[in-house]
Amino acid sequence: MSGDGDGRLLLVGDRAGRVDVRCPARCCERYPAAISAVASGAIDLKKFITHHMPLARTQEALRLAQSGDAMKVIIHLPE
């Protein structure tokens, strides 16, 4: 995990790929602490996932997420 002071934070994890978190400069100092809390297990993000849907139901999943009736919807890709 690294930040270069310009409001960007680069995350590299055990999965193939890369995630860039972009945020306003005034909030960027908070991301490292939040990410560390998740990485250490102090915060369990699985509790925030309220729905799981297959890729075939993506439009329904997006409508559900936009409605406010779901906290976090995970769309699963076929294997």
N, C-alpha and C. Protein backbone atom coordinates (compact mmCIF):
# COMPACT_ATOMS: atom_id res chain seq x y z
N MET A 1 0.85 -1.16 0.00
CA MET A 1 0.00 0.00 0.00
C MET A 1 0.90 1.22 0.00
N SER A 2 0.63 2.16 -0.88
CA SER A 2 1.44 3.38 -0.90
C SER A 2 0.61 4.54 -1.40
N GLY A 3 0.96 5.72 -0.97
CA GLY A 3 0.32 6.94 -1.44
C GLY A 3 1.40 7.92 -1.81
N ASP A 4 1.14 8.74 -2.80
CA ASP A 4 2.19 9.67 -3.20
C ASP A 4 1.82 11.12 -2.89
N GLY A 5 0.82 11.34 -2.03
CA GLY A 5 0.49 12.68 -1.59
C GLY A 5 -0.40 13.47 -2.53
N ASP A 6 -0.79 12.90 -3.65
CA ASP A 6 -1.61 13.67 -4.59
C ASP A 6 -3.07 13.21 -4.59
N GLY A 7 -3.49 12.53 -3.53
CA GLY A 7 -4.88 12.08 -3.44
C GLY A 7 -5.11 10.72 -4.05
N ARG A 8 -4.03 9.99 -4.38
CA ARG A 8 -4.18 8.64 -4.93
C ARG A 8 -3.51 7.66 -3.99
N LEU A 9 -4.09 6.48 -3.92
CA LEU A 9 -3.55 5.43 -3.07
C LEU A 9 -3.52 4.15 -3.90
N LEU A 10 -2.38 3.52 -3.98
CA LEU A 10 -2.24 2.29 -4.76
C LEU A 10 -2.30 1.10 -3.81
N LEU A 11 -3.18 0.17 -4.10
CA LEU A 11 -3.31 -1.04 -3.29
C LEU A 11 -2.87 -2.23 -4.13
N VAL A 12 -2.04 -3.06 -3.58
CA VAL A 12 -1.64 -4.27 -4.26
C VAL A 12 -1.88 -5.41 -3.28
N GLY A 13 -2.68 -6.38 -3.68
CA GLY A 13 -3.01 -7.47 -2.77
C GLY A 13 -2.57 -8.81 -3.31
N ASP A 14 -3.12 -9.86 -2.72
CA ASP A 14 -2.73 -11.21 -3.10
C ASP A 14 -3.47 -11.69 -4.35
N ARG A 15 -4.39 -10.91 -4.85
CA ARG A 15 -5.09 -11.28 -6.08
C ARG A 15 -4.38 -10.64 -7.27
N ALA A 16 -4.50 -11.28 -8.41
CA ALA A 16 -3.90 -10.70 -9.62
C ALA A 16 -4.63 -9.40 -9.94
N GLY A 17 -3.89 -8.38 -10.13
CA GLY A 17 -4.50 -7.11 -10.49
C GLY A 17 -4.09 -6.00 -9.56
N ARG A 18 -4.67 -4.85 -9.79
CA ARG A 18 -4.29 -3.64 -9.07
C ARG A 18 -5.53 -2.78 -8.91
N VAL A 19 -5.62 -2.08 -7.81
CA VAL A 19 -6.75 -1.19 -7.55
C VAL A 19 -6.20 0.18 -7.20
N ASP A 20 -6.67 1.20 -7.87
CA ASP A 20 -6.32 2.58 -7.51
C ASP A 20 -7.53 3.19 -6.81
N VAL A 21 -7.33 3.70 -5.60
CA VAL A 21 -8.37 4.40 -4.88
C VAL A 21 -8.08 5.88 -5.03
N ARG A 22 -8.99 6.61 -5.62
CA ARG A 22 -8.80 8.05 -5.81
C ARG A 22 -9.78 8.77 -4.90
N CYS A 23 -9.28 9.78 -4.24
CA CYS A 23 -10.12 10.48 -3.28
C CYS A 23 -9.70 11.94 -3.22
N PRO A 24 -10.57 12.79 -2.69
CA PRO A 24 -10.14 14.18 -2.48
C PRO A 24 -8.95 14.21 -1.53
N ALA A 25 -8.05 15.13 -1.74
CA ALA A 25 -6.83 15.20 -0.93
C ALA A 25 -7.13 15.27 0.56
N ARG A 26 -8.21 15.93 0.96
CA ARG A 26 -8.51 16.08 2.37
C ARG A 26 -8.93 14.77 3.04
N CYS A 27 -9.34 13.78 2.25
CA CYS A 27 -9.78 12.50 2.80
C CYS A 27 -8.73 11.40 2.67
N CYS A 28 -7.73 11.61 1.86
CA CYS A 28 -6.79 10.54 1.54
C CYS A 28 -6.03 10.02 2.75
N GLU A 29 -5.82 10.87 3.77
CA GLU A 29 -5.11 10.40 4.96
C GLU A 29 -5.88 9.31 5.70
N ARG A 30 -7.18 9.24 5.50
CA ARG A 30 -8.01 8.28 6.22
C ARG A 30 -7.98 6.89 5.60
N TYR A 31 -7.71 6.79 4.32
CA TYR A 31 -7.74 5.50 3.65
C TYR A 31 -6.73 4.50 4.20
N PRO A 32 -5.47 4.86 4.43
CA PRO A 32 -4.52 3.87 4.96
C PRO A 32 -4.98 3.25 6.28
N ALA A 33 -5.53 4.06 7.18
CA ALA A 33 -6.01 3.53 8.46
C ALA A 33 -7.20 2.60 8.25
N ALA A 34 -8.11 2.98 7.38
CA ALA A 34 -9.29 2.15 7.12
C ALA A 34 -8.88 0.83 6.45
N ILE A 35 -7.99 0.90 5.49
CA ILE A 35 -7.54 -0.30 4.79
C ILE A 35 -6.78 -1.21 5.74
N SER A 36 -5.97 -0.64 6.61
CA SER A 36 -5.26 -1.45 7.60
C SER A 36 -6.22 -2.14 8.55
N ALA A 37 -7.28 -1.44 8.95
CA ALA A 37 -8.28 -2.04 9.84
C ALA A 37 -8.97 -3.21 9.17
N VAL A 38 -9.27 -3.10 7.90
CA VAL A 38 -9.88 -4.20 7.16
C VAL A 38 -8.88 -5.34 7.01
N ALA A 39 -7.65 -5.02 6.63
CA ALA A 39 -6.62 -6.04 6.42
C ALA A 39 -6.31 -6.81 7.70
N SER A 40 -6.37 -6.15 8.84
CA SER A 40 -6.06 -6.82 10.12
C SER A 40 -7.22 -7.62 10.65
N GLY A 41 -8.41 -7.43 10.07
CA GLY A 41 -9.59 -8.15 10.55
C GLY A 41 -10.39 -7.37 11.58
N ALA A 42 -9.94 -6.16 11.92
CA ALA A 42 -10.67 -5.35 12.90
C ALA A 42 -12.05 -4.94 12.36
N ILE A 43 -12.16 -4.81 11.06
CA ILE A 43 -13.44 -4.51 10.41
C ILE A 43 -13.72 -5.63 9.42
N ASP A 44 -14.88 -6.26 9.55
CA ASP A 44 -15.27 -7.36 8.66
C ASP A 44 -16.23 -6.82 7.59
N LEU A 45 -15.71 -6.64 6.38
CA LEU A 45 -16.54 -6.09 5.31
C LEU A 45 -17.64 -7.04 4.86
N LYS A 46 -17.52 -8.32 5.15
CA LYS A 46 -18.56 -9.28 4.75
C LYS A 46 -19.91 -8.94 5.37
N LYS A 47 -19.89 -8.29 6.52
CA LYS A 47 -21.15 -7.90 7.17
C LYS A 47 -21.90 -6.83 6.39
N PHE A 48 -21.20 -6.12 5.51
CA PHE A 48 -21.82 -5.07 4.72
C PHE A 48 -22.48 -5.61 3.45
N ILE A 49 -22.12 -6.83 3.06
CA ILE A 49 -22.68 -7.43 1.83
C ILE A 49 -24.06 -7.98 2.16
N THR A 50 -25.06 -7.42 1.51
CA THR A 50 -26.44 -7.82 1.80
C THR A 50 -27.04 -8.71 0.72
N HIS A 51 -26.45 -8.72 -0.48
CA HIS A 51 -27.02 -9.50 -1.58
C HIS A 51 -25.90 -10.07 -2.46
N HIS A 52 -26.13 -11.25 -2.99
CA HIS A 52 -25.27 -11.90 -3.98
C HIS A 52 -26.14 -12.24 -5.18
N MET A 53 -25.68 -11.90 -6.38
CA MET A 53 -26.45 -12.18 -7.59
C MET A 53 -25.54 -12.65 -8.71
N PRO A 54 -26.05 -13.51 -9.58
CA PRO A 54 -25.24 -13.96 -10.72
C PRO A 54 -25.18 -12.86 -11.79
N LEU A 55 -24.22 -12.98 -12.66
CA LEU A 55 -24.02 -11.99 -13.73
C LEU A 55 -25.29 -11.81 -14.55
N ALA A 56 -26.04 -12.86 -14.76
CA ALA A 56 -27.26 -12.79 -15.56
C ALA A 56 -28.30 -11.84 -14.95
N ARG A 57 -28.17 -11.54 -13.67
CA ARG A 57 -29.12 -10.64 -13.00
C ARG A 57 -28.50 -9.28 -12.68
N THR A 58 -27.54 -8.86 -13.49
CA THR A 58 -26.83 -7.61 -13.24
C THR A 58 -27.76 -6.40 -13.21
N GLN A 59 -28.67 -6.30 -14.15
CA GLN A 59 -29.57 -5.14 -14.17
C GLN A 59 -30.41 -5.09 -12.90
N GLU A 60 -30.89 -6.23 -12.47
CA GLU A 60 -31.66 -6.29 -11.22
C GLU A 60 -30.79 -5.88 -10.03
N ALA A 61 -29.54 -6.34 -10.03
CA ALA A 61 -28.61 -6.01 -8.95
C ALA A 61 -28.35 -4.51 -8.91
N LEU A 62 -28.17 -3.89 -10.07
CA LEU A 62 -27.94 -2.45 -10.12
C LEU A 62 -29.15 -1.67 -9.65
N ARG A 63 -30.35 -2.10 -10.05
CA ARG A 63 -31.57 -1.43 -9.58
C ARG A 63 -31.69 -1.55 -8.07
N LEU A 64 -31.38 -2.73 -7.54
CA LEU A 64 -31.45 -2.95 -6.10
C LEU A 64 -30.46 -2.03 -5.37
N ALA A 65 -29.25 -1.94 -5.88
CA ALA A 65 -28.24 -1.09 -5.26
C ALA A 65 -28.66 0.39 -5.30
N GLN A 66 -29.24 0.81 -6.42
CA GLN A 66 -29.66 2.21 -6.55
C GLN A 66 -30.88 2.53 -5.70
N SER A 67 -31.67 1.52 -5.38
CA SER A 67 -32.91 1.75 -4.63
C SER A 67 -32.65 2.10 -3.17
N GLY A 68 -31.49 1.73 -2.67
CA GLY A 68 -31.19 1.95 -1.26
C GLY A 68 -31.63 0.79 -0.38
N ASP A 69 -32.22 -0.25 -0.97
CA ASP A 69 -32.66 -1.41 -0.21
C ASP A 69 -31.53 -2.40 0.05
N ALA A 70 -30.37 -2.15 -0.51
CA ALA A 70 -29.21 -3.02 -0.31
C ALA A 70 -28.03 -2.17 0.11
N MET A 71 -27.21 -2.71 0.98
CA MET A 71 -26.01 -1.99 1.37
C MET A 71 -24.90 -2.24 0.35
N LYS A 72 -24.66 -3.50 0.01
CA LYS A 72 -23.64 -3.86 -0.97
C LYS A 72 -24.12 -5.10 -1.70
N VAL A 73 -24.09 -5.04 -3.03
CA VAL A 73 -24.51 -6.16 -3.87
C VAL A 73 -23.27 -6.69 -4.59
N ILE A 74 -23.03 -7.98 -4.47
CA ILE A 74 -21.91 -8.63 -5.16
C ILE A 74 -22.46 -9.36 -6.38
N ILE A 75 -21.89 -9.08 -7.54
CA ILE A 75 -22.27 -9.77 -8.78
C ILE A 75 -21.21 -10.82 -9.06
N HIS A 76 -21.64 -12.06 -9.14
CA HIS A 76 -20.71 -13.17 -9.34
C HIS A 76 -20.59 -13.52 -10.81
N LEU A 77 -19.36 -13.62 -11.28
CA LEU A 77 -19.08 -14.04 -12.66
C LEU A 77 -19.13 -15.55 -12.76
N PRO A 78 -19.54 -16.06 -13.92
CA PRO A 78 -19.54 -17.52 -14.09
C PRO A 78 -18.11 -18.03 -14.09
N GLU A 79 -17.93 -19.25 -13.62
CA GLU A 79 -16.58 -19.82 -13.58
C GLU A 79 -16.21 -20.46 -14.89
